[in-house]
């Protein structure tokens, strides 16, 4: 099963981008299906309030975030216009600054990703590699301590 390690605020987070073989195995449509399933799970989760509740607006966010993952995994550079040349990981951290994200929220997000990943049929090693990226990188989105104090990460 997929390992989840706790976020330690202030500790450097080491991660590497997913192996491009993940994109090659799934293709663009496979990643799109994975991410759409993931966001549909999120929409029914305890962190649904982080996302627009209007179905059309939610679908726009789902598509935008899917483009991020397609590019991140080695696919077409759909996200270049959105990130305006900023490193994708830096850009994604900054986007999350608008929300108070606690460790509990991260764990809910990872649970949805775990559920979505369990449904795809590709080599375990490729799923594990992708999981290692999202598990580590998700620590960088945690920006609020248990006492409510905001915290900002550096890459």
Protein backbone atom coordinates (compact mmCIF):
# COMPACT_ATOMS: atom_id res chain seq x y z
CA UNK A 1 0.00 0.00 0.00
CA UNK A 2 1.03 3.62 -0.34
CA UNK A 3 3.08 5.07 2.48
CA UNK A 4 2.19 8.47 3.96
CA UNK A 5 4.76 10.32 6.05
CA UNK A 6 3.87 13.32 8.21
CA UNK A 7 4.65 16.87 7.21
CA UNK A 8 7.35 18.49 9.32
CA UNK A 9 7.04 22.23 8.84
CA UNK A 10 10.44 23.82 8.31
CA UNK A 11 12.05 20.59 7.13
CA UNK A 12 13.24 20.47 3.51
CA UNK A 13 11.07 18.24 1.35
CA UNK A 14 12.92 16.16 -1.20
CA UNK A 15 10.96 15.02 -4.22
CA UNK A 16 11.47 14.20 -7.86
CA UNK A 17 9.07 14.61 -10.74
CA UNK A 18 7.19 11.53 -11.87
CA UNK A 19 8.97 9.28 -14.35
CA UNK A 20 7.83 10.18 -17.91
CA UNK A 21 7.09 6.45 -18.28
CA UNK A 22 3.94 7.17 -16.21
CA UNK A 23 2.70 9.47 -18.99
CA UNK A 24 3.80 6.97 -21.64
CA UNK A 25 1.90 4.15 -19.92
CA UNK A 26 -1.33 6.09 -19.44
CA UNK A 27 -1.21 8.55 -22.29
CA UNK A 28 -2.93 11.90 -22.10
CA UNK A 29 -6.41 10.40 -21.98
CA UNK A 30 -5.42 7.99 -19.24
CA UNK A 31 -4.04 10.80 -17.07
CA UNK A 32 -7.14 12.85 -17.82
CA UNK A 33 -9.34 9.90 -16.70
CA UNK A 34 -7.24 9.44 -13.54
CA UNK A 35 -7.40 13.09 -12.60
CA UNK A 36 -11.10 13.48 -13.39
CA UNK A 37 -11.84 10.47 -11.20
CA UNK A 38 -9.59 11.93 -8.48
CA UNK A 39 -11.38 15.30 -8.54
CA UNK A 40 -14.78 13.62 -8.54
CA UNK A 41 -13.69 11.84 -5.35
CA UNK A 42 -12.47 15.17 -3.94
CA UNK A 43 -15.84 16.76 -4.77
CA UNK A 44 -17.47 14.30 -2.34
CA UNK A 45 -14.76 14.59 0.34
CA UNK A 46 -14.25 16.64 3.48
CA UNK A 47 -12.12 19.12 1.50
CA UNK A 48 -14.72 19.78 -1.21
CA UNK A 49 -15.14 23.30 0.22
CA UNK A 50 -11.70 24.21 -1.17
CA UNK A 51 -13.23 23.92 -4.64
CA UNK A 52 -16.08 25.76 -6.36
CA UNK A 53 -19.42 24.17 -5.59
CA UNK A 54 -20.91 25.32 -8.89
CA UNK A 55 -20.55 22.28 -11.16
CA UNK A 56 -19.38 24.27 -14.21
CA UNK A 57 -16.78 26.19 -12.19
CA UNK A 58 -15.62 22.95 -10.58
CA UNK A 59 -15.20 21.36 -14.02
CA UNK A 60 -13.03 24.31 -15.08
CA UNK A 61 -10.78 23.81 -12.04
CA UNK A 62 -10.69 20.06 -12.70
CA UNK A 63 -9.57 20.67 -16.31
CA UNK A 64 -6.98 23.28 -15.29
CA UNK A 65 -5.48 21.00 -12.64
CA UNK A 66 -5.52 18.05 -15.02
CA UNK A 67 -3.44 20.09 -17.48
CA UNK A 68 -0.93 20.66 -14.68
CA UNK A 69 -0.58 16.92 -14.09
CA UNK A 70 -0.39 16.11 -17.80
CA UNK A 71 2.51 18.53 -18.21
CA UNK A 72 4.14 17.50 -14.94
CA UNK A 73 4.17 13.86 -16.04
CA UNK A 74 5.88 14.63 -19.34
CA UNK A 75 2.95 15.43 -21.61
CA UNK A 76 2.22 18.54 -23.67
CA UNK A 77 3.02 21.88 -22.04
CA UNK A 78 -0.60 22.92 -21.54
CA UNK A 79 0.14 24.70 -18.30
CA UNK A 80 2.80 27.09 -19.66
CA UNK A 81 0.32 29.91 -20.32
CA UNK A 82 -1.25 29.48 -16.91
CA UNK A 83 2.02 29.40 -14.94
CA UNK A 84 3.51 32.22 -17.06
CA UNK A 85 6.96 30.67 -17.12
CA UNK A 86 7.12 30.05 -13.38
CA UNK A 87 8.43 26.63 -12.31
CA UNK A 88 5.37 24.38 -12.05
CA UNK A 89 6.11 23.28 -8.50
CA UNK A 90 6.71 26.86 -7.30
CA UNK A 91 3.52 27.96 -9.02
CA UNK A 92 1.49 25.18 -7.42
CA UNK A 93 2.76 26.04 -3.93
CA UNK A 94 1.82 29.70 -4.42
CA UNK A 95 -1.70 28.80 -5.59
CA UNK A 96 -2.31 26.97 -2.33
CA UNK A 97 -1.39 30.04 -0.28
CA UNK A 98 -4.96 31.28 -0.77
CA UNK A 99 -6.23 28.42 1.39
CA UNK A 100 -5.55 27.34 4.95
CA UNK A 101 -4.29 23.83 4.38
CA UNK A 102 -3.74 21.71 7.45
CA UNK A 103 -2.13 18.27 7.61
CA UNK A 104 -5.63 16.81 7.93
CA UNK A 105 -6.57 18.34 4.56
CA UNK A 106 -3.43 16.92 2.98
CA UNK A 107 -4.30 13.45 4.28
CA UNK A 108 -7.81 13.72 2.84
CA UNK A 109 -6.32 14.80 -0.52
CA UNK A 110 -3.89 11.88 -0.46
CA UNK A 111 -6.71 9.47 0.39
CA UNK A 112 -8.61 10.58 -2.71
CA UNK A 113 -5.46 10.17 -4.82
CA UNK A 114 -4.85 6.70 -3.37
CA UNK A 115 -8.40 5.68 -4.28
CA UNK A 116 -8.10 7.01 -7.84
CA UNK A 117 -4.68 5.41 -8.38
CA UNK A 118 -5.99 2.04 -7.20
CA UNK A 119 -8.36 1.99 -10.18
CA UNK A 120 -5.77 2.35 -12.94
CA UNK A 121 -4.15 -0.64 -14.56
CA UNK A 122 -0.45 0.06 -15.10
CA UNK A 123 2.75 -1.31 -13.60
CA UNK A 124 2.92 -0.99 -9.82
CA UNK A 125 6.37 0.63 -10.10
CA UNK A 126 4.94 3.49 -12.17
CA UNK A 127 2.07 4.07 -9.76
CA UNK A 128 4.51 3.96 -6.85
CA UNK A 129 6.77 6.52 -8.53
CA UNK A 130 3.83 8.88 -9.13
CA UNK A 131 2.65 8.34 -5.55
CA UNK A 132 6.10 9.20 -4.21
CA UNK A 133 5.92 12.54 -6.01
CA UNK A 134 2.41 13.49 -4.84
CA UNK A 135 3.02 12.26 -1.29
CA UNK A 136 6.21 14.30 -0.91
CA UNK A 137 5.07 17.36 -2.84
CA UNK A 138 1.77 17.52 -0.96
CA UNK A 139 3.77 18.38 2.17
CA UNK A 140 4.63 21.70 0.51
CA UNK A 141 0.96 22.62 0.26
CA UNK A 142 0.46 22.38 4.03
CA UNK A 143 0.59 26.01 5.08
CA UNK A 144 -1.30 26.21 8.36
CA UNK A 145 -0.22 24.89 11.73
CA UNK A 146 -2.67 23.22 14.10
CA UNK A 147 -2.93 26.51 16.03
CA UNK A 148 -3.99 28.36 12.85
CA UNK A 149 -0.69 30.16 12.27
CA UNK A 150 0.24 30.39 8.56
CA UNK A 151 3.51 28.88 7.34
CA UNK A 152 5.23 29.30 3.97
CA UNK A 153 7.54 26.74 2.37
CA UNK A 154 10.61 27.29 0.27
CA UNK A 155 11.67 24.83 -2.40
